Amino acid sequence: MTQFVRKLDHMGRVVLPAEYRKKTGIDDLAEVRITEKDGKIIIEKLSPCCKICGAEEKLNKEMEVCEDCIAKVKAL
């Protein structure tokens, strides 16, 4: 397991090593979820999901809404 040591800057920021970003598919401007559990900080890449129902399948990436929700809105 590779380990890196980084210092926080004066605003509490830390740079994620490029090796980890490449391995996990976290590119520039990617959204991540940051949580704390048992004293550990967990950073996870967010998958694109529907802004209405949260589904990750059949997603219209341009609108960020799934096909099922689009159909429901059209039926109104």
PDB file of N, CA and C in Angstrom:
ATOM      1  N   MET A   1       0.841  -1.182   0.000  1.00  0.00           N
ATOM      2  CA  MET A   1       0.000   0.000   0.000  1.00  0.00           C
ATOM      3  C   MET A   1       0.887   1.247   0.000  1.00  0.00           C
ATOM      4  N   THR A   2       0.619   2.157  -0.926  1.00  0.00           N
ATOM      5  CA  THR A   2       1.362   3.405  -1.019  1.00  0.00           C
ATOM      6  C   THR A   2       0.768   4.416  -0.049  1.00  0.00           C
ATOM      7  N   GLN A   3       1.629   5.146   0.622  1.00  0.00           N
ATOM      8  CA  GLN A   3       1.165   6.179   1.538  1.00  0.00           C
ATOM      9  C   GLN A   3       1.795   7.507   1.166  1.00  0.00           C
ATOM     10  N   PHE A   4       1.035   8.563   1.338  1.00  0.00           N
ATOM     11  CA  PHE A   4       1.524   9.910   1.102  1.00  0.00           C
ATOM     12  C   PHE A   4       1.270  10.730   2.357  1.00  0.00           C
ATOM     13  N   VAL A   5       2.151  11.658   2.619  1.00  0.00           N
ATOM     14  CA  VAL A   5       1.960  12.589   3.726  1.00  0.00           C
ATOM     15  C   VAL A   5       1.811  13.966   3.108  1.00  0.00           C
ATOM     16  N   ARG A   6       0.741  14.653   3.464  1.00  0.00           N
ATOM     17  CA  ARG A   6       0.479  15.994   2.951  1.00  0.00           C
ATOM     18  C   ARG A   6       0.156  16.915   4.118  1.00  0.00           C
ATOM     19  N   LYS A   7       0.517  18.181   3.997  1.00  0.00           N
ATOM     20  CA  LYS A   7       0.151  19.180   4.996  1.00  0.00           C
ATOM     21  C   LYS A   7      -1.091  19.914   4.513  1.00  0.00           C
ATOM     22  N   LEU A   8      -1.946  20.264   5.447  1.00  0.00           N
ATOM     23  CA  LEU A   8      -3.087  21.110   5.131  1.00  0.00           C
ATOM     24  C   LEU A   8      -2.584  22.534   4.923  1.00  0.00           C
ATOM     25  N   ASP A   9      -3.211  23.265   3.999  1.00  0.00           N
ATOM     26  CA  ASP A   9      -2.842  24.669   3.858  1.00  0.00           C
ATOM     27  C   ASP A   9      -3.591  25.488   4.907  1.00  0.00           C
ATOM     28  N   HIS A  10      -3.429  26.788   4.884  1.00  0.00           N
ATOM     29  CA  HIS A  10      -4.024  27.649   5.919  1.00  0.00           C
ATOM     30  C   HIS A  10      -5.550  27.657   5.885  1.00  0.00           C
ATOM     31  N   MET A  11      -6.155  27.139   4.801  1.00  0.00           N
ATOM     32  CA  MET A  11      -7.617  27.070   4.723  1.00  0.00           C
ATOM     33  C   MET A  11      -8.130  25.647   4.957  1.00  0.00           C
ATOM     34  N   GLY A  12      -7.248  24.740   5.367  1.00  0.00           N
ATOM     35  CA  GLY A  12      -7.663  23.373   5.665  1.00  0.00           C
ATOM     36  C   GLY A  12      -7.733  22.461   4.455  1.00  0.00           C
ATOM     37  N   ARG A  13      -7.177  22.869   3.333  1.00  0.00           N
ATOM     38  CA  ARG A  13      -7.224  22.074   2.100  1.00  0.00           C
ATOM     39  C   ARG A  13      -6.017  21.159   2.008  1.00  0.00           C
ATOM     40  N   VAL A  14      -6.224  20.053   1.312  1.00  0.00           N
ATOM     41  CA  VAL A  14      -5.145  19.118   1.048  1.00  0.00           C
ATOM     42  C   VAL A  14      -5.274  18.675  -0.409  1.00  0.00           C
ATOM     43  N   VAL A  15      -4.152  18.446  -1.064  1.00  0.00           N
ATOM     44  CA  VAL A  15      -4.160  17.990  -2.453  1.00  0.00           C
ATOM     45  C   VAL A  15      -4.130  16.473  -2.453  1.00  0.00           C
ATOM     46  N   LEU A  16      -5.073  15.870  -3.196  1.00  0.00           N
ATOM     47  CA  LEU A  16      -5.066  14.414  -3.338  1.00  0.00           C
ATOM     48  C   LEU A  16      -3.990  14.035  -4.351  1.00  0.00           C
ATOM     49  N   PRO A  17      -3.149  13.077  -4.031  1.00  0.00           N
ATOM     50  CA  PRO A  17      -2.097  12.680  -4.960  1.00  0.00           C
ATOM     51  C   PRO A  17      -2.668  12.215  -6.304  1.00  0.00           C
ATOM     52  N   ALA A  18      -1.990  12.592  -7.394  1.00  0.00           N
ATOM     53  CA  ALA A  18      -2.440  12.248  -8.745  1.00  0.00           C
ATOM     54  C   ALA A  18      -2.622  10.742  -8.901  1.00  0.00           C
ATOM     55  N   GLU A  19      -1.759   9.959  -8.282  1.00  0.00           N
ATOM     56  CA  GLU A  19      -1.845   8.493  -8.368  1.00  0.00           C
ATOM     57  C   GLU A  19      -3.204   7.997  -7.864  1.00  0.00           C
ATOM     58  N   TYR A  20      -3.670   8.547  -6.757  1.00  0.00           N
ATOM     59  CA  TYR A  20      -4.972   8.151  -6.208  1.00  0.00           C
ATOM     60  C   TYR A  20      -6.114   8.642  -7.088  1.00  0.00           C
ATOM     61  N   ARG A  21      -5.984   9.880  -7.592  1.00  0.00           N
ATOM     62  CA  ARG A  21      -7.050  10.420  -8.447  1.00  0.00           C
ATOM     63  C   ARG A  21      -7.198   9.590  -9.716  1.00  0.00           C
ATOM     64  N   LYS A  22      -6.088   9.224 -10.326  1.00  0.00           N
ATOM     65  CA  LYS A  22      -6.145   8.400 -11.552  1.00  0.00           C
ATOM     66  C   LYS A  22      -6.744   7.033 -11.259  1.00  0.00           C
ATOM     67  N   LYS A  23      -6.308   6.422 -10.171  1.00  0.00           N
ATOM     68  CA  LYS A  23      -6.771   5.075  -9.816  1.00  0.00           C
ATOM     69  C   LYS A  23      -8.273   5.047  -9.535  1.00  0.00           C
ATOM     70  N   THR A  24      -8.808   6.113  -8.968  1.00  0.00           N
ATOM     71  CA  THR A  24     -10.220   6.150  -8.595  1.00  0.00           C
ATOM     72  C   THR A  24     -11.095   6.881  -9.609  1.00  0.00           C
ATOM     73  N   GLY A  25     -10.485   7.443 -10.659  1.00  0.00           N
ATOM     74  CA  GLY A  25     -11.259   8.141 -11.678  1.00  0.00           C
ATOM     75  C   GLY A  25     -11.752   9.504 -11.248  1.00  0.00           C
ATOM     76  N   ILE A  26     -11.090  10.085 -10.275  1.00  0.00           N
ATOM     77  CA  ILE A  26     -11.461  11.436  -9.829  1.00  0.00           C
ATOM     78  C   ILE A  26     -10.671  12.424 -10.677  1.00  0.00           C
ATOM     79  N   ASP A  27     -11.372  13.098 -11.613  1.00  0.00           N
ATOM     80  CA  ASP A  27     -10.690  14.058 -12.470  1.00  0.00           C
ATOM     81  C   ASP A  27     -10.984  15.476 -11.998  1.00  0.00           C
ATOM     82  N   ASP A  28     -10.430  16.455 -12.699  1.00  0.00           N
ATOM     83  CA  ASP A  28     -10.652  17.848 -12.328  1.00  0.00           C
ATOM     84  C   ASP A  28     -12.143  18.157 -12.282  1.00  0.00           C
ATOM     85  N   LEU A  29     -12.557  18.877 -11.294  1.00  0.00           N
ATOM     86  CA  LEU A  29     -13.928  19.330 -11.081  1.00  0.00           C
ATOM     87  C   LEU A  29     -14.909  18.205 -10.748  1.00  0.00           C
ATOM     88  N   ALA A  30     -14.416  17.002 -10.450  1.00  0.00           N
ATOM     89  CA  ALA A  30     -15.289  15.897 -10.047  1.00  0.00           C
ATOM     90  C   ALA A  30     -15.916  16.231  -8.694  1.00  0.00           C
ATOM     91  N   GLU A  31     -17.126  15.733  -8.485  1.00  0.00           N
ATOM     92  CA  GLU A  31     -17.775  15.906  -7.188  1.00  0.00           C
ATOM     93  C   GLU A  31     -17.426  14.713  -6.314  1.00  0.00           C
ATOM     94  N   VAL A  32     -17.107  14.984  -5.061  1.00  0.00           N
ATOM     95  CA  VAL A  32     -16.793  13.925  -4.111  1.00  0.00           C
ATOM     96  C   VAL A  32     -17.642  14.107  -2.864  1.00  0.00           C
ATOM     97  N   ARG A  33     -17.867  13.012  -2.174  1.00  0.00           N
ATOM     98  CA  ARG A  33     -18.572  13.037  -0.881  1.00  0.00           C
ATOM     99  C   ARG A  33     -17.506  12.855   0.194  1.00  0.00           C
ATOM    100  N   ILE A  34     -17.550  13.712   1.204  1.00  0.00           N
ATOM    101  CA  ILE A  34     -16.594  13.622   2.304  1.00  0.00           C
ATOM    102  C   ILE A  34     -17.376  13.309   3.574  1.00  0.00           C
ATOM    103  N   THR A  35     -17.046  12.187   4.206  1.00  0.00           N
ATOM    104  CA  THR A  35     -17.721  11.787   5.430  1.00  0.00           C
ATOM    105  C   THR A  35     -16.679  11.431   6.484  1.00  0.00           C
ATOM    106  N   GLU A  36     -17.140  11.351   7.714  1.00  0.00           N
ATOM    107  CA  GLU A  36     -16.277  10.949   8.830  1.00  0.00           C
ATOM    108  C   GLU A  36     -16.901   9.738   9.489  1.00  0.00           C
ATOM    109  N   LYS A  37     -16.085   8.736   9.755  1.00  0.00           N
ATOM    110  CA  LYS A  37     -16.561   7.547  10.451  1.00  0.00           C
ATOM    111  C   LYS A  37     -15.433   7.033  11.340  1.00  0.00           C
ATOM    112  N   ASP A  38     -15.749   6.888  12.597  1.00  0.00           N
ATOM    113  CA  ASP A  38     -14.783   6.372  13.570  1.00  0.00           C
ATOM    114  C   ASP A  38     -13.459   7.145  13.541  1.00  0.00           C
ATOM    115  N   GLY A  39     -13.553   8.461  13.397  1.00  0.00           N
ATOM    116  CA  GLY A  39     -12.352   9.294  13.418  1.00  0.00           C
ATOM    117  C   GLY A  39     -11.570   9.305  12.119  1.00  0.00           C
ATOM    118  N   LYS A  40     -12.086   8.668  11.073  1.00  0.00           N
ATOM    119  CA  LYS A  40     -11.408   8.641   9.776  1.00  0.00           C
ATOM    120  C   LYS A  40     -12.202   9.469   8.770  1.00  0.00           C
ATOM    121  N   ILE A  41     -11.505  10.159   7.896  1.00  0.00           N
ATOM    122  CA  ILE A  41     -12.139  10.941   6.837  1.00  0.00           C
ATOM    123  C   ILE A  41     -12.178  10.083   5.585  1.00  0.00           C
ATOM    124  N   ILE A  42     -13.372   9.965   4.998  1.00  0.00           N
ATOM    125  CA  ILE A  42     -13.572   9.136   3.817  1.00  0.00           C
ATOM    126  C   ILE A  42     -13.956  10.037   2.653  1.00  0.00           C
ATOM    127  N   ILE A  43     -13.239   9.920   1.543  1.00  0.00           N
ATOM    128  CA  ILE A  43     -13.526  10.688   0.336  1.00  0.00           C
ATOM    129  C   ILE A  43     -13.942   9.705  -0.743  1.00  0.00           C
ATOM    130  N   GLU A  44     -15.154   9.907  -1.307  1.00  0.00           N
ATOM    131  CA  GLU A  44     -15.676   9.017  -2.338  1.00  0.00           C
ATOM    132  C   GLU A  44     -16.093   9.819  -3.557  1.00  0.00           C
ATOM    133  N   LYS A  45     -15.779   9.305  -4.744  1.00  0.00           N
ATOM    134  CA  LYS A  45     -16.237   9.929  -5.980  1.00  0.00           C
ATOM    135  C   LYS A  45     -17.739   9.701  -6.097  1.00  0.00           C
ATOM    136  N   LEU A  46     -18.472  10.751  -6.428  1.00  0.00           N
ATOM    137  CA  LEU A  46     -19.905  10.616  -6.632  1.00  0.00           C
ATOM    138  C   LEU A  46     -20.177  10.155  -8.056  1.00  0.00           C
ATOM    139  N   SER A  47     -21.113   9.243  -8.193  1.00  0.00           N
ATOM    140  CA  SER A  47     -21.565   8.826  -9.515  1.00  0.00           C
ATOM    141  C   SER A  47     -22.668   9.779  -9.947  1.00  0.00           C
ATOM    142  N   PRO A  48     -22.725  10.096 -11.240  1.00  0.00           N
ATOM    143  CA  PRO A  48     -23.827  10.938 -11.701  1.00  0.00           C
ATOM    144  C   PRO A  48     -25.160  10.260 -11.401  1.00  0.00           C
ATOM    145  N   CYS A  49     -26.135  11.019 -10.955  1.00  0.00           N
ATOM    146  CA  CYS A  49     -27.441  10.445 -10.647  1.00  0.00           C
ATOM    147  C   CYS A  49     -28.542  11.452 -10.961  1.00  0.00           C
ATOM    148  N   CYS A  50     -29.756  10.929 -11.058  1.00  0.00           N
ATOM    149  CA  CYS A  50     -30.931  11.737 -11.370  1.00  0.00           C
ATOM    150  C   CYS A  50     -31.161  12.764 -10.260  1.00  0.00           C
ATOM    151  N   LYS A  51     -31.350  14.017 -10.653  1.00  0.00           N
ATOM    152  CA  LYS A  51     -31.570  15.094  -9.688  1.00  0.00           C
ATOM    153  C   LYS A  51     -32.951  15.014  -9.051  1.00  0.00           C
ATOM    154  N   ILE A  52     -33.836  14.175  -9.602  1.00  0.00           N
ATOM    155  CA  ILE A  52     -35.181  14.038  -9.045  1.00  0.00           C
ATOM    156  C   ILE A  52     -35.282  12.836  -8.123  1.00  0.00           C
ATOM    157  N   CYS A  53     -34.890  11.647  -8.624  1.00  0.00           N
ATOM    158  CA  CYS A  53     -35.104  10.424  -7.836  1.00  0.00           C
ATOM    159  C   CYS A  53     -33.819   9.777  -7.329  1.00  0.00           C
ATOM    160  N   GLY A  54     -32.656  10.212  -7.836  1.00  0.00           N
ATOM    161  CA  GLY A  54     -31.386   9.654  -7.376  1.00  0.00           C
ATOM    162  C   GLY A  54     -30.922   8.423  -8.131  1.00  0.00           C
ATOM    163  N   ALA A  55     -31.667   7.968  -9.152  1.00  0.00           N
ATOM    164  CA  ALA A  55     -31.282   6.775  -9.920  1.00  0.00           C
ATOM    165  C   ALA A  55     -29.993   7.034 -10.694  1.00  0.00           C
ATOM    166  N   GLU A  56     -29.181   5.995 -10.833  1.00  0.00           N
ATOM    167  CA  GLU A  56     -27.936   6.106 -11.593  1.00  0.00           C
ATOM    168  C   GLU A  56     -28.065   5.502 -12.989  1.00  0.00           C
ATOM    169  N   GLU A  57     -29.146   4.756 -13.232  1.00  0.00           N
ATOM    170  CA  GLU A  57     -29.345   4.099 -14.514  1.00  0.00           C
ATOM    171  C   GLU A  57     -30.173   4.980 -15.440  1.00  0.00           C
ATOM    172  N   LYS A  58     -30.008   4.756 -16.744  1.00  0.00           N
ATOM    173  CA  LYS A  58     -30.788   5.438 -17.790  1.00  0.00           C
ATOM    174  C   LYS A  58     -30.779   6.952 -17.608  1.00  0.00           C
ATOM    175  N   LEU A  59     -29.614   7.495 -17.313  1.00  0.00           N
ATOM    176  CA  LEU A  59     -29.491   8.914 -16.998  1.00  0.00           C
ATOM    177  C   LEU A  59     -29.230   9.728 -18.254  1.00  0.00           C
ATOM    178  N   ASN A  60     -30.011  10.778 -18.462  1.00  0.00           N
ATOM    179  CA  ASN A  60     -29.752  11.755 -19.502  1.00  0.00           C
ATOM    180  C   ASN A  60     -28.735  12.717 -18.889  1.00  0.00           C
ATOM    181  N   LYS A  61     -27.471  12.571 -19.261  1.00  0.00           N
ATOM    182  CA  LYS A  61     -26.403  13.325 -18.604  1.00  0.00           C
ATOM    183  C   LYS A  61     -26.492  14.822 -18.867  1.00  0.00           C
ATOM    184  N   GLU A  62     -27.057  15.194 -20.013  1.00  0.00           N
ATOM    185  CA  GLU A  62     -27.198  16.613 -20.327  1.00  0.00           C
ATOM    186  C   GLU A  62     -28.161  17.290 -19.359  1.00  0.00           C
ATOM    187  N   MET A  63     -29.256  16.599 -19.039  1.00  0.00           N
ATOM    188  CA  MET A  63     -30.273  17.163 -18.144  1.00  0.00           C
ATOM    189  C   MET A  63     -30.110  16.690 -16.702  1.00  0.00           C
ATOM    190  N   GLU A  64     -29.290  15.675 -16.461  1.00  0.00           N
ATOM    191  CA  GLU A  64     -29.086  15.068 -15.147  1.00  0.00           C
ATOM    192  C   GLU A  64     -30.400  14.574 -14.549  1.00  0.00           C
ATOM    193  N   VAL A  65     -31.232  13.979 -15.404  1.00  0.00           N
ATOM    194  CA  VAL A  65     -32.513  13.404 -15.009  1.00  0.00           C
ATOM    195  C   VAL A  65     -32.638  12.064 -15.730  1.00  0.00           C
ATOM    196  N   CYS A  66     -33.173  11.045 -15.046  1.00  0.00           N
ATOM    197  CA  CYS A  66     -33.296   9.727 -15.666  1.00  0.00           C
ATOM    198  C   CYS A  66     -34.486   9.686 -16.625  1.00  0.00           C
ATOM    199  N   GLU A  67     -34.449   8.717 -17.530  1.00  0.00           N
ATOM    200  CA  GLU A  67     -35.509   8.564 -18.532  1.00  0.00           C
ATOM    201  C   GLU A  67     -36.878   8.349 -17.886  1.00  0.00           C
ATOM    202  N   ASP A  68     -36.936   7.620 -16.775  1.00  0.00           N
ATOM    203  CA  ASP A  68     -38.215   7.386 -16.096  1.00  0.00           C
ATOM    204  C   ASP A  68     -38.830   8.689 -15.593  1.00  0.00           C
ATOM    205  N   CYS A  69     -38.017   9.569 -15.001  1.00  0.00           N
ATOM    206  CA  CYS A  69     -38.534  10.843 -14.503  1.00  0.00           C
ATOM    207  C   CYS A  69     -38.933  11.757 -15.660  1.00  0.00           C
ATOM    208  N   ILE A  70     -38.179  11.711 -16.751  1.00  0.00           N
ATOM    209  CA  ILE A  70     -38.545  12.503 -17.933  1.00  0.00           C
ATOM    210  C   ILE A  70     -39.916  12.068 -18.434  1.00  0.00           C
ATOM    211  N   ALA A  71     -40.137  10.743 -18.499  1.00  0.00           N
ATOM    212  CA  ALA A  71     -41.425  10.221 -18.958  1.00  0.00           C
ATOM    213  C   ALA A  71     -42.560  10.650 -18.032  1.00  0.00           C
ATOM    214  N   LYS A  72     -42.309  10.633 -16.721  1.00  0.00           N
ATOM    215  CA  LYS A  72     -43.342  11.039 -15.763  1.00  0.00           C
ATOM    216  C   LYS A  72     -43.696  12.522 -15.918  1.00  0.00           C
ATOM    217  N   VAL A  73     -42.690  13.350 -16.143  1.00  0.00           N
ATOM    218  CA  VAL A  73     -42.936  14.779 -16.315  1.00  0.00           C
ATOM    219  C   VAL A  73     -43.706  15.032 -17.615  1.00  0.00           C
ATOM    220  N   LYS A  74     -43.343  14.323 -18.675  1.00  0.00           N
ATOM    221  CA  LYS A  74     -44.035  14.483 -19.957  1.00  0.00           C
ATOM    222  C   LYS A  74     -45.501  14.055 -19.848  1.00  0.00           C
ATOM    223  N   ALA A  75     -45.794  13.083 -18.969  1.00  0.00           N
ATOM    224  CA  ALA A  75     -47.152  12.564 -18.823  1.00  0.00           C
ATOM    225  C   ALA A  75     -48.053  13.518 -18.044  1.00  0.00           C
ATOM    226  N   LEU A  76     -47.492  14.494 -17.379  1.00  0.00           N
ATOM    227  CA  LEU A  76     -48.305  15.433 -16.581  1.00  0.00           C
ATOM    228  C   LEU A  76     -49.157  16.348 -17.443  1.00  0.00           C
TER     229      LEU A  76
END
